[in-house]
Amino acid sequence: MMLALGSLMMALTMQDPAGKKLQQGLVDLRGGNYAQAKIELEEASQAQPGNAFVWVSLAEVYRRLKQTDDAERAADKAERTGGTQPAIQHALALFYSAEAQYGHAAKLEEQYASSPKADAQALSRAGGWYFQAGDDKDGERLYKAVWERSKTDPDVAFQYAQLRLHKLDFSGAADAVSPALSVHPDNAQLTLTMGVARYGQRRFEEAVDQFLKVIGLNPSVPQPYEFLGRMLEQAGARLPEIRKAFENWAAANPDNWQAQLLLAKVRLSQDAKDAGAEGLFRRSIALDSNSWEAHYELGTLLETKRDFRGAAEELKRASELNPEEPMPHYHLARVYDRLGDADQAKTERQKHADLVAAGK
């Protein structure tokens, strides 16, 4: 941000020089000599009080010297004297964004973006600042405008699709990413985004296709494995392919708790009596003892093996690590029934019912 503003200021000097004081002040500003820059620019402001570039430069110097009130006054003068000039609008937008005044920054940057001299990212920056200011309506309006004029740009498509996913508009996310993906079919980020959109639409077969394609393009990306691990029941004939991918991931990442966990899950999906799954769950827990899911999966596996005390220990730990998840309590109630502890079983059933009722 500092370099961008400094470069803009030097460019403006060429357009509207304000004498040696202004030029020297800019040199000192870029060089980090803020105290000297302040002296030079204050003298320039006295010589040319109507020069907006002097005031926006001085506002930046005051900001870096943490003279907040002076910075605000200088920025206000810059806006009053030159607020219709695109370069000043952009410089002020950078200033106000650095001051976390994102709403003001967004409005100025949007004005700058309408200029023929604006850079290609100006409208996206303005949209991002609207979002930071809590103005989702205007932020979305600008993101959509950027996407409509650059639908096949991978970065633009990804950015707009992420906005749609954030709003749980999965169909909109798929539509947002489709034009760019048709032009860039091997873009792993776009392919992953399409997979997430299809998953949200419950078009599981297509989601599986996309996630496996991401793994083929970049096997180090964790998200496709995570999503595939949630939809093993919908994998159908692709399960052997998924297992192979998970085996490769776990082998390449022996210290990754999640890789060991997901490999155990896919093996159990193929064979409920898989002999190696328990060891993988325990390996996962050894790598990260705070994974509630690993404790939960091990607990439910031990339950099927009739190791009820071991299951109770793991399920209790899972419920402690994730107290808002109802399923550990459901299985704990079953396990305590098998252990003959009716009171504990009743307590766990009630906890499960309460969490389900609360929509957890």
Protein backbone atom coordinates (compact mmCIF):
# COMPACT_ATOMS: atom_id res chain seq x y z
CA MET A 1 0.00 0.00 0.00
CA MET A 2 2.82 2.40 0.91
CA LEU A 3 4.69 1.77 -2.35
CA ALA A 4 1.52 2.08 -4.40
CA LEU A 5 0.67 5.43 -2.87
CA GLY A 6 4.25 6.66 -3.21
CA SER A 7 4.33 5.73 -6.90
CA LEU A 8 1.02 7.48 -7.48
CA MET A 9 2.31 10.61 -5.80
CA MET A 10 5.44 10.72 -7.95
CA ALA A 11 3.34 10.29 -11.07
CA LEU A 12 1.07 13.14 -10.03
CA THR A 13 4.07 15.38 -9.47
CA MET A 14 4.83 15.05 -13.13
CA GLN A 15 1.30 16.16 -13.96
CA ASP A 16 0.95 19.00 -11.49
CA PRO A 17 4.30 20.07 -9.99
CA ALA A 18 4.09 22.28 -6.92
CA GLY A 19 7.66 23.43 -6.76
CA LYS A 20 10.81 22.16 -5.20
CA LYS A 21 9.29 21.86 -1.72
CA LEU A 22 6.63 19.46 -2.90
CA GLN A 23 9.07 17.40 -4.92
CA GLN A 24 11.55 17.17 -2.06
CA GLY A 25 8.76 16.31 0.36
CA LEU A 26 7.76 13.39 -1.86
CA VAL A 27 11.34 12.19 -2.04
CA ASP A 28 11.55 12.27 1.76
CA LEU A 29 8.17 10.52 2.07
CA ARG A 30 9.24 7.68 -0.20
CA GLY A 31 12.55 7.44 1.63
CA GLY A 32 10.86 7.16 5.03
CA ASN A 33 12.14 10.51 6.30
CA TYR A 34 8.70 11.58 7.48
CA ALA A 35 9.77 14.40 9.79
CA GLN A 36 11.60 16.19 6.97
CA ALA A 37 8.80 15.40 4.53
CA LYS A 38 6.38 17.07 6.93
CA ILE A 39 8.44 20.29 6.91
CA GLU A 40 8.71 20.36 3.11
CA LEU A 41 5.06 19.59 2.49
CA GLU A 42 3.74 22.01 5.10
CA GLU A 43 5.69 24.78 3.35
CA ALA A 44 4.31 23.60 0.00
CA SER A 45 0.77 23.73 1.41
CA GLN A 46 1.29 27.34 2.45
CA ALA A 47 2.58 28.21 -1.01
CA GLN A 48 -0.22 26.42 -2.85
CA PRO A 49 -3.21 25.97 -0.49
CA GLY A 50 -5.46 24.95 -3.38
CA ASN A 51 -3.26 22.09 -4.55
CA ALA A 52 -5.06 18.87 -3.64
CA PHE A 53 -1.98 16.79 -4.31
CA VAL A 54 -0.05 18.67 -1.65
CA TRP A 55 -2.81 17.97 0.89
CA VAL A 56 -3.15 14.28 0.12
CA SER A 57 0.63 13.91 0.36
CA LEU A 58 0.63 15.75 3.66
CA ALA A 59 -2.24 13.59 4.93
CA GLU A 60 -0.13 10.50 4.26
CA VAL A 61 2.87 11.98 6.08
CA TYR A 62 0.73 12.85 9.11
CA ARG A 63 -0.74 9.33 9.07
CA ARG A 64 2.69 7.75 9.18
CA LEU A 65 3.70 10.10 11.97
CA LYS A 66 0.52 9.01 13.82
CA GLN A 67 -0.80 12.58 13.89
CA THR A 68 -4.34 11.38 13.30
CA ASP A 69 -6.22 14.68 13.64
CA ASP A 70 -3.83 16.50 11.32
CA ALA A 71 -4.04 13.64 8.83
CA GLU A 72 -7.84 13.79 8.79
CA ARG A 73 -7.83 17.56 8.27
CA ALA A 74 -5.34 17.32 5.42
CA ALA A 75 -7.31 14.53 3.75
CA ASP A 76 -10.49 16.56 4.06
CA LYS A 77 -8.79 19.53 2.38
CA ALA A 78 -7.52 17.26 -0.39
CA GLU A 79 -11.04 15.99 -1.01
CA ARG A 80 -12.58 19.47 -0.97
CA THR A 81 -9.99 20.91 -3.35
CA GLY A 82 -9.53 17.99 -5.72
CA GLY A 83 -12.09 15.33 -4.94
CA THR A 84 -13.28 15.15 -8.54
CA GLN A 85 -9.83 14.24 -9.86
CA PRO A 86 -9.45 10.44 -10.33
CA ALA A 87 -5.85 10.37 -9.10
CA ILE A 88 -6.79 12.23 -5.92
CA GLN A 89 -9.78 9.95 -5.40
CA HIS A 90 -7.51 6.92 -5.61
CA ALA A 91 -4.87 8.41 -3.31
CA LEU A 92 -7.53 9.29 -0.75
CA ALA A 93 -9.09 5.84 -1.07
CA LEU A 94 -5.73 4.31 -0.19
CA PHE A 95 -5.39 6.73 2.71
CA TYR A 96 -8.82 6.00 4.16
CA SER A 97 -8.44 2.24 3.72
CA ALA A 98 -5.17 2.44 5.68
CA GLU A 99 -7.14 4.25 8.38
CA ALA A 100 -9.77 1.46 8.34
CA GLN A 101 -12.42 3.90 7.11
CA TYR A 102 -13.48 1.40 4.49
CA GLY A 103 -16.85 2.88 3.56
CA HIS A 104 -15.30 6.23 2.62
CA ALA A 105 -12.44 4.48 0.84
CA ALA A 106 -14.87 2.35 -1.18
CA LYS A 107 -16.89 5.32 -2.42
CA LEU A 108 -13.79 7.19 -3.53
CA GLU A 109 -12.30 4.12 -5.20
CA GLU A 110 -15.56 3.43 -7.03
CA GLN A 111 -15.45 6.98 -8.39
CA TYR A 112 -11.85 6.46 -9.43
CA ALA A 113 -12.78 3.14 -11.09
CA SER A 114 -15.11 4.97 -13.49
CA SER A 115 -12.13 6.88 -14.91
CA PRO A 116 -10.42 5.70 -18.11
CA LYS A 117 -7.13 5.99 -16.21
CA ALA A 118 -8.19 3.52 -13.48
CA ASP A 119 -6.36 0.21 -13.19
CA ALA A 120 -8.21 -3.04 -13.82
CA GLN A 121 -8.42 -3.96 -10.13
CA ALA A 122 -9.98 -0.69 -8.96
CA LEU A 123 -13.58 -1.89 -8.97
CA SER A 124 -12.67 -5.08 -7.12
CA ARG A 125 -10.81 -3.07 -4.48
CA ALA A 126 -13.82 -0.84 -4.02
CA GLY A 127 -16.07 -3.88 -3.66
CA GLY A 128 -13.75 -5.42 -1.12
CA TRP A 129 -13.73 -2.23 0.94
CA TYR A 130 -17.52 -2.10 0.87
CA PHE A 131 -17.56 -5.60 2.35
CA GLN A 132 -15.03 -4.57 5.01
CA ALA A 133 -17.29 -1.65 5.86
CA GLY A 134 -20.20 -4.04 6.34
CA ASP A 135 -21.95 -2.88 3.19
CA ASP A 136 -22.65 -6.25 1.58
CA LYS A 137 -25.16 -4.84 -0.88
CA ASP A 138 -22.74 -2.46 -2.58
CA GLY A 139 -19.89 -4.93 -2.27
CA GLU A 140 -21.88 -7.58 -4.08
CA ARG A 141 -23.01 -5.06 -6.69
CA LEU A 142 -19.42 -4.24 -7.61
CA TYR A 143 -18.20 -7.84 -7.52
CA LYS A 144 -20.99 -8.79 -9.89
CA ALA A 145 -20.14 -5.87 -12.18
CA VAL A 146 -16.51 -7.00 -12.33
CA TRP A 147 -17.58 -10.57 -13.08
CA GLU A 148 -20.02 -9.55 -15.82
CA ARG A 149 -17.27 -7.80 -17.74
CA SER A 150 -14.58 -10.46 -17.14
CA LYS A 151 -16.41 -13.79 -16.76
CA THR A 152 -13.57 -15.89 -18.11
CA ASP A 153 -10.89 -14.36 -15.88
CA PRO A 154 -9.99 -17.09 -13.34
CA ASP A 155 -9.36 -14.70 -10.44
CA VAL A 156 -12.55 -12.73 -11.07
CA ALA A 157 -14.63 -15.89 -11.41
CA PHE A 158 -13.18 -17.36 -8.24
CA GLN A 159 -13.77 -14.18 -6.26
CA TYR A 160 -17.40 -13.87 -7.34
CA ALA A 161 -18.06 -17.59 -6.86
CA GLN A 162 -16.68 -17.39 -3.33
CA LEU A 163 -19.16 -14.63 -2.59
CA ARG A 164 -22.01 -16.80 -3.85
CA LEU A 165 -20.78 -19.78 -1.80
CA HIS A 166 -20.60 -17.58 1.29
CA LYS A 167 -24.28 -16.82 0.77
CA LEU A 168 -25.01 -20.54 0.24
CA ASP A 169 -26.08 -19.75 -3.31
CA PHE A 170 -24.59 -22.93 -4.77
CA SER A 171 -26.29 -22.63 -8.14
CA GLY A 172 -25.06 -19.06 -8.42
CA ALA A 173 -21.53 -20.18 -7.55
CA ALA A 174 -21.63 -22.84 -10.27
CA ASP A 175 -22.86 -20.28 -12.79
CA ALA A 176 -20.16 -17.85 -11.71
CA VAL A 177 -17.32 -20.29 -12.25
CA SER A 178 -18.56 -22.07 -15.39
CA PRO A 179 -17.43 -19.55 -18.08
CA ALA A 180 -13.89 -19.34 -16.71
CA LEU A 181 -13.67 -23.09 -16.16
CA SER A 182 -14.63 -23.73 -19.78
CA VAL A 183 -11.63 -21.63 -20.85
CA HIS A 184 -9.29 -22.87 -18.09
CA PRO A 185 -10.33 -26.52 -17.55
CA ASP A 186 -7.12 -27.42 -15.69
CA ASN A 187 -7.35 -24.61 -13.15
CA ALA A 188 -7.37 -26.46 -9.81
CA GLN A 189 -8.89 -23.55 -7.88
CA LEU A 190 -11.83 -23.20 -10.27
CA THR A 191 -12.32 -26.96 -10.38
CA LEU A 192 -12.40 -27.14 -6.59
CA THR A 193 -14.91 -24.29 -6.47
CA MET A 194 -17.15 -26.11 -8.91
CA GLY A 195 -16.88 -29.24 -6.78
CA VAL A 196 -17.98 -27.32 -3.69
CA ALA A 197 -20.89 -25.81 -5.62
CA ARG A 198 -22.02 -29.23 -6.85
CA TYR A 199 -21.68 -30.63 -3.35
CA GLY A 200 -23.90 -27.84 -2.05
CA GLN A 201 -26.42 -28.62 -4.80
CA ARG A 202 -26.31 -32.27 -3.70
CA ARG A 203 -25.18 -33.25 -7.17
CA PHE A 204 -22.79 -35.69 -5.58
CA GLU A 205 -21.69 -37.62 -8.65
CA GLU A 206 -20.53 -34.41 -10.32
CA ALA A 207 -18.94 -33.22 -7.07
CA VAL A 208 -16.92 -36.44 -6.83
CA ASP A 209 -15.74 -35.95 -10.42
CA GLN A 210 -14.56 -32.43 -9.67
CA PHE A 211 -12.80 -33.30 -6.42
CA LEU A 212 -10.97 -36.25 -7.97
CA LYS A 213 -9.92 -34.00 -10.83
CA VAL A 214 -8.48 -31.48 -8.35
CA ILE A 215 -6.46 -34.28 -6.74
CA GLY A 216 -5.15 -35.22 -10.17
CA LEU A 217 -4.18 -31.61 -10.87
CA ASN A 218 -2.67 -30.91 -7.45
CA PRO A 219 -2.61 -33.81 -4.95
CA SER A 220 -1.29 -31.58 -2.15
CA VAL A 221 -4.51 -29.55 -1.83
CA PRO A 222 -6.39 -30.84 1.27
CA GLN A 223 -9.91 -29.60 0.53
CA PRO A 224 -10.95 -32.25 -2.04
CA TYR A 225 -9.99 -35.02 0.39
CA GLU A 226 -12.00 -33.33 3.14
CA PHE A 227 -15.12 -33.10 0.98
CA LEU A 228 -14.77 -36.61 -0.36
CA GLY A 229 -14.47 -37.82 3.23
CA ARG A 230 -17.93 -36.38 3.90
CA MET A 231 -19.59 -38.11 0.99
CA LEU A 232 -18.24 -41.64 0.98
CA GLU A 233 -21.76 -43.03 1.10
CA GLN A 234 -22.51 -41.24 -2.18
CA ALA A 235 -19.26 -42.25 -3.89
CA GLY A 236 -20.65 -45.45 -5.38
CA ALA A 237 -18.41 -46.99 -8.03
CA ARG A 238 -15.77 -44.29 -7.48
CA LEU A 239 -14.93 -45.59 -3.99
CA PRO A 240 -11.89 -47.64 -5.11
CA GLU A 241 -10.54 -44.59 -6.93
CA ILE A 242 -11.08 -42.46 -3.84
CA ARG A 243 -9.35 -45.03 -1.66
CA LYS A 244 -6.33 -45.03 -3.96
CA ALA A 245 -6.15 -41.23 -3.78
CA PHE A 246 -6.39 -41.30 0.01
CA GLU A 247 -3.71 -43.99 0.24
CA ASN A 248 -1.36 -41.87 -1.84
CA TRP A 249 -2.12 -38.79 0.26
CA ALA A 250 -1.54 -40.61 3.54
CA ALA A 251 1.69 -42.17 2.26
CA ALA A 252 2.97 -38.77 1.11
CA ASN A 253 1.94 -37.14 4.41
CA PRO A 254 2.62 -39.64 7.21
CA ASP A 255 2.49 -36.89 9.84
CA ASN A 256 -0.83 -35.49 8.69
CA TRP A 257 -3.52 -36.57 11.17
CA GLN A 258 -6.33 -35.85 8.72
CA ALA A 259 -4.82 -37.99 5.98
CA GLN A 260 -4.66 -40.98 8.34
CA LEU A 261 -8.20 -40.36 9.57
CA LEU A 262 -9.73 -40.14 6.10
CA LEU A 263 -7.90 -43.22 4.89
CA ALA A 264 -9.34 -45.17 7.81
CA LYS A 265 -12.84 -43.92 6.97
CA VAL A 266 -12.65 -44.92 3.31
CA ARG A 267 -11.29 -48.36 4.22
CA LEU A 268 -14.21 -48.91 6.58
CA SER A 269 -16.59 -47.76 3.85
CA GLN A 270 -15.35 -50.63 1.73
CA ASP A 271 -15.08 -53.14 4.56
CA ALA A 272 -16.70 -52.58 7.96
CA LYS A 273 -14.28 -55.12 9.46
CA ASP A 274 -11.12 -53.63 7.97
CA ALA A 275 -8.26 -54.72 10.24
CA GLY A 276 -6.10 -51.65 9.66
CA ALA A 277 -8.65 -48.92 10.37
CA GLU A 278 -8.25 -48.89 14.15
CA GLY A 279 -4.49 -48.42 13.84
CA LEU A 280 -5.00 -45.49 11.46
CA PHE A 281 -7.46 -43.83 13.86
CA ARG A 282 -5.00 -44.22 16.71
CA ARG A 283 -2.22 -42.86 14.52
CA SER A 284 -4.38 -39.86 13.71
CA ILE A 285 -5.04 -39.22 17.41
CA ALA A 286 -1.34 -39.56 18.21
CA LEU A 287 -0.63 -36.85 15.64
CA ASP A 288 -3.40 -34.57 16.91
CA SER A 289 -5.11 -35.53 20.15
CA ASN A 290 -7.51 -32.59 19.81
CA SER A 291 -9.32 -33.95 16.77
CA TRP A 292 -12.83 -34.65 18.00
CA GLU A 293 -13.66 -36.51 14.80
CA ALA A 294 -10.78 -38.97 15.19
CA HIS A 295 -11.88 -39.77 18.76
CA TYR A 296 -15.48 -40.11 17.57
CA GLU A 297 -14.63 -42.43 14.68
CA LEU A 298 -12.44 -44.59 16.92
CA GLY A 299 -15.20 -44.68 19.54
CA THR A 300 -17.83 -45.85 17.09
CA LEU A 301 -15.44 -48.47 15.71
CA LEU A 302 -14.72 -49.80 19.20
CA GLU A 303 -18.47 -49.91 19.81
CA THR A 304 -18.88 -52.27 16.86
CA LYS A 305 -16.06 -54.39 18.30
CA ARG A 306 -17.94 -54.52 21.63
CA ASP A 307 -15.11 -52.76 23.44
CA PHE A 308 -17.66 -50.63 25.27
CA ARG A 309 -15.34 -49.16 27.88
CA GLY A 310 -12.84 -48.14 25.24
CA ALA A 311 -15.66 -46.73 23.12
CA ALA A 312 -17.02 -44.73 26.07
CA GLU A 313 -13.60 -43.19 26.71
CA GLU A 314 -13.16 -42.09 23.08
CA LEU A 315 -16.73 -40.85 22.66
CA LYS A 316 -16.58 -38.88 25.88
CA ARG A 317 -13.38 -37.21 24.71
CA ALA A 318 -15.03 -36.38 21.37
CA SER A 319 -17.96 -34.74 23.15
CA GLU A 320 -15.54 -32.70 25.30
CA LEU A 321 -13.65 -31.47 22.25
CA ASN A 322 -16.83 -30.61 20.34
CA PRO A 323 -19.67 -30.07 22.85
CA GLU A 324 -22.07 -28.86 20.15
CA GLU A 325 -21.93 -32.08 18.12
CA PRO A 326 -24.88 -34.39 19.00
CA MET A 327 -23.63 -37.71 17.59
CA PRO A 328 -21.06 -38.56 20.29
CA HIS A 329 -23.87 -38.30 22.86
CA TYR A 330 -26.08 -40.60 20.78
CA HIS A 331 -23.42 -43.30 20.73
CA LEU A 332 -22.49 -42.69 24.36
CA ALA A 333 -26.08 -43.44 25.35
CA ARG A 334 -25.91 -46.75 23.47
CA VAL A 335 -22.55 -47.63 25.02
CA TYR A 336 -23.66 -46.81 28.57
CA ASP A 337 -26.73 -49.00 28.01
CA ARG A 338 -24.40 -51.86 27.12
CA LEU A 339 -22.32 -51.12 30.22
CA GLY A 340 -25.43 -51.22 32.40
CA ASP A 341 -25.24 -47.56 33.41
CA ALA A 342 -28.85 -46.47 32.89
CA ASP A 343 -28.43 -43.04 34.50
CA GLN A 344 -25.51 -42.06 32.28
CA ALA A 345 -27.35 -43.40 29.25
CA LYS A 346 -30.38 -41.26 30.09
CA THR A 347 -28.18 -38.18 30.55
CA GLU A 348 -26.52 -38.68 27.17
CA ARG A 349 -29.85 -39.20 25.41
CA GLN A 350 -31.07 -35.92 26.82
CA LYS A 351 -27.92 -34.10 25.69
CA HIS A 352 -28.35 -35.56 22.23
CA ALA A 353 -32.01 -34.53 22.11
CA ASP A 354 -31.23 -31.00 23.30
CA LEU A 355 -28.52 -30.50 20.66
CA VAL A 356 -30.72 -31.86 17.88
CA ALA A 357 -33.57 -29.60 18.98
CA ALA A 358 -31.20 -26.63 18.95
CA GLY A 359 -30.32 -27.43 15.35
CA LYS A 360 -26.72 -28.42 16.05
